Amino acid sequence: MPMALLKKAEYEDQFYDDKVKSMLVFPGFQKAEVGKEKAVNHHELFQTKLTVRYTLGNEQDLEKYFNNHAKKMREDGIRRFGNQFSATRRVFTESVLVE
């Protein structure tokens, strides 16, 4: 396996094990769904783009996370993954399943 791909795979494993699972210990965090984007051009072949959707029990638990833990978790991500890490946040208050 080429070194770049090995590092990419190791990064993904570390992300799943360390980052995502550590979020699930916070009050209200019930589950996490991780989506991996497909590379659409050559430059993206050596990047891993993941989207994590956390499900929480209520909005109060989300506010507690923002107020008490979010800054530390973001700093931890930067410490662990350096400039290979970036994060953005979107909050959805409703979800509708259409089949």
N, C-alpha and C. Protein backbone atom coordinates (compact mmCIF):
# COMPACT_ATOMS: atom_id res chain seq x y z
N MET A 1 0.85 -1.17 0.00
CA MET A 1 0.00 0.00 0.00
C MET A 1 0.90 1.24 0.00
N PRO A 2 0.66 2.20 -0.88
CA PRO A 2 1.48 3.43 -0.89
C PRO A 2 1.41 4.15 0.44
N MET A 3 2.50 4.81 0.81
CA MET A 3 2.60 5.49 2.10
C MET A 3 1.48 6.51 2.30
N ALA A 4 1.16 7.28 1.26
CA ALA A 4 0.11 8.30 1.40
C ALA A 4 -1.22 7.65 1.75
N LEU A 5 -1.52 6.51 1.15
CA LEU A 5 -2.78 5.83 1.44
C LEU A 5 -2.76 5.21 2.82
N LEU A 6 -1.61 4.70 3.24
CA LEU A 6 -1.50 4.13 4.57
C LEU A 6 -1.74 5.21 5.62
N LYS A 7 -1.13 6.35 5.44
CA LYS A 7 -1.34 7.44 6.39
C LYS A 7 -2.81 7.87 6.39
N LYS A 8 -3.41 7.90 5.22
CA LYS A 8 -4.81 8.28 5.12
C LYS A 8 -5.68 7.29 5.90
N ALA A 9 -5.43 6.00 5.73
CA ALA A 9 -6.19 4.98 6.44
C ALA A 9 -5.96 5.07 7.94
N GLU A 10 -4.72 5.28 8.35
CA GLU A 10 -4.42 5.42 9.78
C GLU A 10 -5.13 6.64 10.36
N TYR A 11 -5.14 7.71 9.61
CA TYR A 11 -5.82 8.94 10.05
C TYR A 11 -7.30 8.66 10.27
N GLU A 12 -7.93 7.96 9.32
CA GLU A 12 -9.34 7.65 9.44
C GLU A 12 -9.61 6.80 10.67
N ASP A 13 -8.80 5.77 10.89
CA ASP A 13 -8.98 4.91 12.06
C ASP A 13 -8.84 5.70 13.35
N GLN A 14 -7.84 6.56 13.41
CA GLN A 14 -7.62 7.37 14.60
C GLN A 14 -8.79 8.32 14.81
N PHE A 15 -9.29 8.88 13.73
CA PHE A 15 -10.42 9.80 13.83
C PHE A 15 -11.64 9.08 14.39
N TYR A 16 -11.95 7.93 13.83
CA TYR A 16 -13.12 7.17 14.31
C TYR A 16 -12.96 6.80 15.78
N ASP A 17 -11.82 6.22 16.10
CA ASP A 17 -11.61 5.71 17.45
C ASP A 17 -11.49 6.81 18.48
N ASP A 18 -10.72 7.83 18.18
CA ASP A 18 -10.43 8.84 19.18
C ASP A 18 -11.47 9.97 19.21
N LYS A 19 -11.76 10.51 18.07
CA LYS A 19 -12.57 11.72 18.03
C LYS A 19 -14.06 11.43 18.13
N VAL A 20 -14.55 10.59 17.25
CA VAL A 20 -15.99 10.35 17.21
C VAL A 20 -16.46 9.64 18.48
N LYS A 21 -15.77 8.59 18.87
CA LYS A 21 -16.18 7.86 20.06
C LYS A 21 -16.08 8.71 21.32
N SER A 22 -15.11 9.61 21.37
CA SER A 22 -14.98 10.45 22.56
C SER A 22 -16.14 11.44 22.68
N MET A 23 -16.77 11.79 21.58
CA MET A 23 -17.92 12.68 21.63
C MET A 23 -19.13 11.98 22.25
N LEU A 24 -19.21 10.69 22.08
CA LEU A 24 -20.39 9.96 22.54
C LEU A 24 -20.45 9.79 24.05
N VAL A 25 -19.41 10.22 24.76
CA VAL A 25 -19.45 10.14 26.22
C VAL A 25 -20.13 11.37 26.84
N PHE A 26 -20.32 12.42 26.06
CA PHE A 26 -20.95 13.63 26.59
C PHE A 26 -22.45 13.40 26.79
N PRO A 27 -23.01 13.98 27.84
CA PRO A 27 -24.45 13.82 28.10
C PRO A 27 -25.29 14.22 26.89
N GLY A 28 -26.23 13.35 26.56
CA GLY A 28 -27.16 13.64 25.46
C GLY A 28 -26.73 13.12 24.11
N PHE A 29 -25.44 12.85 23.92
CA PHE A 29 -24.96 12.34 22.63
C PHE A 29 -25.34 10.87 22.54
N GLN A 30 -26.22 10.53 21.62
CA GLN A 30 -26.78 9.19 21.54
C GLN A 30 -26.08 8.31 20.50
N LYS A 31 -25.75 8.90 19.35
CA LYS A 31 -25.10 8.13 18.30
C LYS A 31 -24.41 9.07 17.32
N ALA A 32 -23.54 8.48 16.51
CA ALA A 32 -22.83 9.24 15.48
C ALA A 32 -22.88 8.46 14.18
N GLU A 33 -23.09 9.17 13.10
CA GLU A 33 -23.08 8.58 11.76
C GLU A 33 -21.99 9.29 10.97
N VAL A 34 -21.04 8.54 10.46
CA VAL A 34 -19.91 9.12 9.74
C VAL A 34 -20.07 8.85 8.26
N GLY A 35 -20.01 9.90 7.47
CA GLY A 35 -20.07 9.79 6.02
C GLY A 35 -18.73 10.19 5.43
N LYS A 36 -18.28 9.46 4.44
CA LYS A 36 -17.01 9.74 3.78
C LYS A 36 -17.29 10.18 2.36
N GLU A 37 -16.78 11.36 2.00
CA GLU A 37 -17.00 11.88 0.66
C GLU A 37 -16.13 11.15 -0.36
N LYS A 38 -16.68 10.96 -1.52
CA LYS A 38 -15.93 10.34 -2.61
C LYS A 38 -15.06 11.39 -3.30
N ALA A 39 -13.83 11.01 -3.59
CA ALA A 39 -12.92 11.92 -4.31
C ALA A 39 -13.44 12.09 -5.73
N VAL A 40 -13.50 13.34 -6.19
CA VAL A 40 -13.99 13.59 -7.54
C VAL A 40 -12.90 14.08 -8.49
N ASN A 41 -11.70 14.34 -7.95
CA ASN A 41 -10.59 14.71 -8.82
C ASN A 41 -9.28 14.19 -8.21
N HIS A 42 -8.21 14.29 -8.97
CA HIS A 42 -6.92 13.73 -8.56
C HIS A 42 -6.42 14.31 -7.23
N HIS A 43 -6.59 15.61 -7.02
CA HIS A 43 -6.09 16.25 -5.80
C HIS A 43 -6.78 15.73 -4.55
N GLU A 44 -8.03 15.33 -4.68
CA GLU A 44 -8.78 14.85 -3.53
C GLU A 44 -8.46 13.40 -3.17
N LEU A 45 -7.74 12.69 -4.02
CA LEU A 45 -7.41 11.29 -3.75
C LEU A 45 -6.60 11.15 -2.46
N PHE A 46 -5.86 12.18 -2.10
CA PHE A 46 -5.00 12.12 -0.92
C PHE A 46 -5.58 12.90 0.26
N GLN A 47 -6.88 13.21 0.17
CA GLN A 47 -7.57 13.89 1.25
C GLN A 47 -8.69 12.98 1.75
N THR A 48 -9.00 13.10 3.00
CA THR A 48 -10.15 12.40 3.56
C THR A 48 -11.12 13.45 4.06
N LYS A 49 -12.30 13.43 3.50
CA LYS A 49 -13.34 14.37 3.93
C LYS A 49 -14.45 13.56 4.57
N LEU A 50 -14.63 13.80 5.86
CA LEU A 50 -15.63 13.08 6.62
C LEU A 50 -16.66 14.06 7.17
N THR A 51 -17.89 13.63 7.19
CA THR A 51 -18.95 14.39 7.82
C THR A 51 -19.53 13.51 8.93
N VAL A 52 -19.61 14.06 10.12
CA VAL A 52 -20.14 13.32 11.25
C VAL A 52 -21.44 13.97 11.67
N ARG A 53 -22.47 13.15 11.74
CA ARG A 53 -23.78 13.63 12.20
C ARG A 53 -24.06 12.98 13.56
N TYR A 54 -24.10 13.82 14.57
CA TYR A 54 -24.39 13.34 15.93
C TYR A 54 -25.88 13.52 16.21
N THR A 55 -26.45 12.56 16.88
CA THR A 55 -27.84 12.66 17.33
C THR A 55 -27.82 12.87 18.83
N LEU A 56 -28.51 13.92 19.26
CA LEU A 56 -28.60 14.25 20.68
C LEU A 56 -30.04 14.15 21.14
N GLY A 57 -30.20 13.96 22.44
CA GLY A 57 -31.53 13.83 23.00
C GLY A 57 -32.32 15.13 23.01
N ASN A 58 -31.63 16.25 23.25
CA ASN A 58 -32.34 17.52 23.31
C ASN A 58 -31.37 18.68 23.10
N GLU A 59 -31.95 19.84 22.88
CA GLU A 59 -31.15 21.03 22.59
C GLU A 59 -30.36 21.52 23.81
N GLN A 60 -30.86 21.26 25.00
CA GLN A 60 -30.16 21.67 26.21
C GLN A 60 -28.81 20.95 26.32
N ASP A 61 -28.77 19.67 25.98
CA ASP A 61 -27.50 18.94 26.01
C ASP A 61 -26.52 19.50 24.99
N LEU A 62 -27.03 19.93 23.85
CA LEU A 62 -26.16 20.55 22.83
C LEU A 62 -25.59 21.86 23.36
N GLU A 63 -26.41 22.67 23.99
CA GLU A 63 -25.93 23.94 24.57
C GLU A 63 -24.89 23.69 25.66
N LYS A 64 -25.10 22.67 26.48
CA LYS A 64 -24.11 22.34 27.51
C LYS A 64 -22.79 21.94 26.87
N TYR A 65 -22.86 21.18 25.79
CA TYR A 65 -21.64 20.80 25.08
C TYR A 65 -20.93 22.05 24.54
N PHE A 66 -21.67 22.92 23.87
CA PHE A 66 -21.08 24.14 23.33
C PHE A 66 -20.41 24.96 24.43
N ASN A 67 -21.08 25.11 25.55
CA ASN A 67 -20.59 25.97 26.63
C ASN A 67 -19.45 25.35 27.44
N ASN A 68 -19.42 24.03 27.55
CA ASN A 68 -18.48 23.39 28.47
C ASN A 68 -17.39 22.54 27.82
N HIS A 69 -17.59 22.08 26.60
CA HIS A 69 -16.66 21.11 26.04
C HIS A 69 -16.17 21.40 24.62
N ALA A 70 -16.91 22.15 23.84
CA ALA A 70 -16.61 22.32 22.42
C ALA A 70 -15.21 22.89 22.16
N LYS A 71 -14.84 23.92 22.89
CA LYS A 71 -13.54 24.54 22.67
C LYS A 71 -12.41 23.54 22.94
N LYS A 72 -12.51 22.80 24.02
CA LYS A 72 -11.48 21.81 24.35
C LYS A 72 -11.41 20.71 23.30
N MET A 73 -12.54 20.25 22.81
CA MET A 73 -12.56 19.20 21.79
C MET A 73 -11.94 19.68 20.49
N ARG A 74 -12.22 20.91 20.11
CA ARG A 74 -11.64 21.46 18.88
C ARG A 74 -10.12 21.60 19.03
N GLU A 75 -9.67 22.10 20.18
CA GLU A 75 -8.23 22.22 20.44
C GLU A 75 -7.56 20.85 20.42
N ASP A 76 -8.24 19.85 20.96
CA ASP A 76 -7.72 18.49 20.96
C ASP A 76 -7.59 17.95 19.53
N GLY A 77 -8.57 18.22 18.70
CA GLY A 77 -8.50 17.80 17.30
C GLY A 77 -7.32 18.43 16.57
N ILE A 78 -7.09 19.69 16.81
CA ILE A 78 -5.95 20.37 16.19
C ILE A 78 -4.64 19.82 16.73
N ARG A 79 -4.59 19.55 18.03
CA ARG A 79 -3.37 18.99 18.63
C ARG A 79 -3.07 17.60 18.04
N ARG A 80 -4.09 16.79 17.90
CA ARG A 80 -3.89 15.41 17.41
C ARG A 80 -3.60 15.35 15.91
N PHE A 81 -4.31 16.16 15.14
CA PHE A 81 -4.24 16.02 13.69
C PHE A 81 -3.57 17.20 12.99
N GLY A 82 -3.16 18.20 13.73
CA GLY A 82 -2.42 19.34 13.17
C GLY A 82 -3.19 20.04 12.07
N ASN A 83 -2.46 20.45 11.04
CA ASN A 83 -3.08 21.20 9.95
C ASN A 83 -3.88 20.29 9.02
N GLN A 84 -3.95 18.99 9.33
CA GLN A 84 -4.78 18.08 8.54
C GLN A 84 -6.22 18.08 9.04
N PHE A 85 -6.50 18.88 10.03
CA PHE A 85 -7.81 18.89 10.67
C PHE A 85 -8.48 20.24 10.49
N SER A 86 -9.73 20.21 10.09
CA SER A 86 -10.55 21.42 10.13
C SER A 86 -11.97 20.97 10.43
N ALA A 87 -12.74 21.85 11.00
CA ALA A 87 -14.11 21.49 11.36
C ALA A 87 -15.02 22.67 11.15
N THR A 88 -16.22 22.36 10.73
CA THR A 88 -17.29 23.34 10.66
C THR A 88 -18.49 22.73 11.37
N ARG A 89 -19.45 23.54 11.69
CA ARG A 89 -20.59 23.06 12.45
C ARG A 89 -21.89 23.54 11.81
N ARG A 90 -22.84 22.63 11.71
CA ARG A 90 -24.20 22.97 11.32
C ARG A 90 -25.12 22.27 12.32
N VAL A 91 -26.18 22.95 12.72
CA VAL A 91 -27.12 22.39 13.68
C VAL A 91 -28.48 22.28 13.00
N PHE A 92 -29.00 21.08 13.00
CA PHE A 92 -30.32 20.83 12.44
C PHE A 92 -31.28 20.60 13.60
N THR A 93 -32.40 21.29 13.58
CA THR A 93 -33.39 21.13 14.65
C THR A 93 -34.46 20.13 14.29
N GLU A 94 -34.58 19.82 13.01
CA GLU A 94 -35.57 18.86 12.57
C GLU A 94 -34.97 17.99 11.47
N SER A 95 -35.51 16.80 11.38
CA SER A 95 -35.12 15.90 10.31
C SER A 95 -36.37 15.18 9.84
N VAL A 96 -36.56 15.14 8.55
CA VAL A 96 -37.74 14.49 7.99
C VAL A 96 -37.26 13.37 7.08
N LEU A 97 -37.76 12.18 7.30
CA LEU A 97 -37.43 11.04 6.47
C LEU A 97 -38.53 10.89 5.43
N VAL A 98 -38.14 10.90 4.17
CA VAL A 98 -39.08 10.75 3.07
C VAL A 98 -38.74 9.47 2.33
N GLU A 99 -39.68 8.57 2.24
CA GLU A 99 -39.43 7.29 1.56
C GLU A 99 -40.35 7.15 0.36
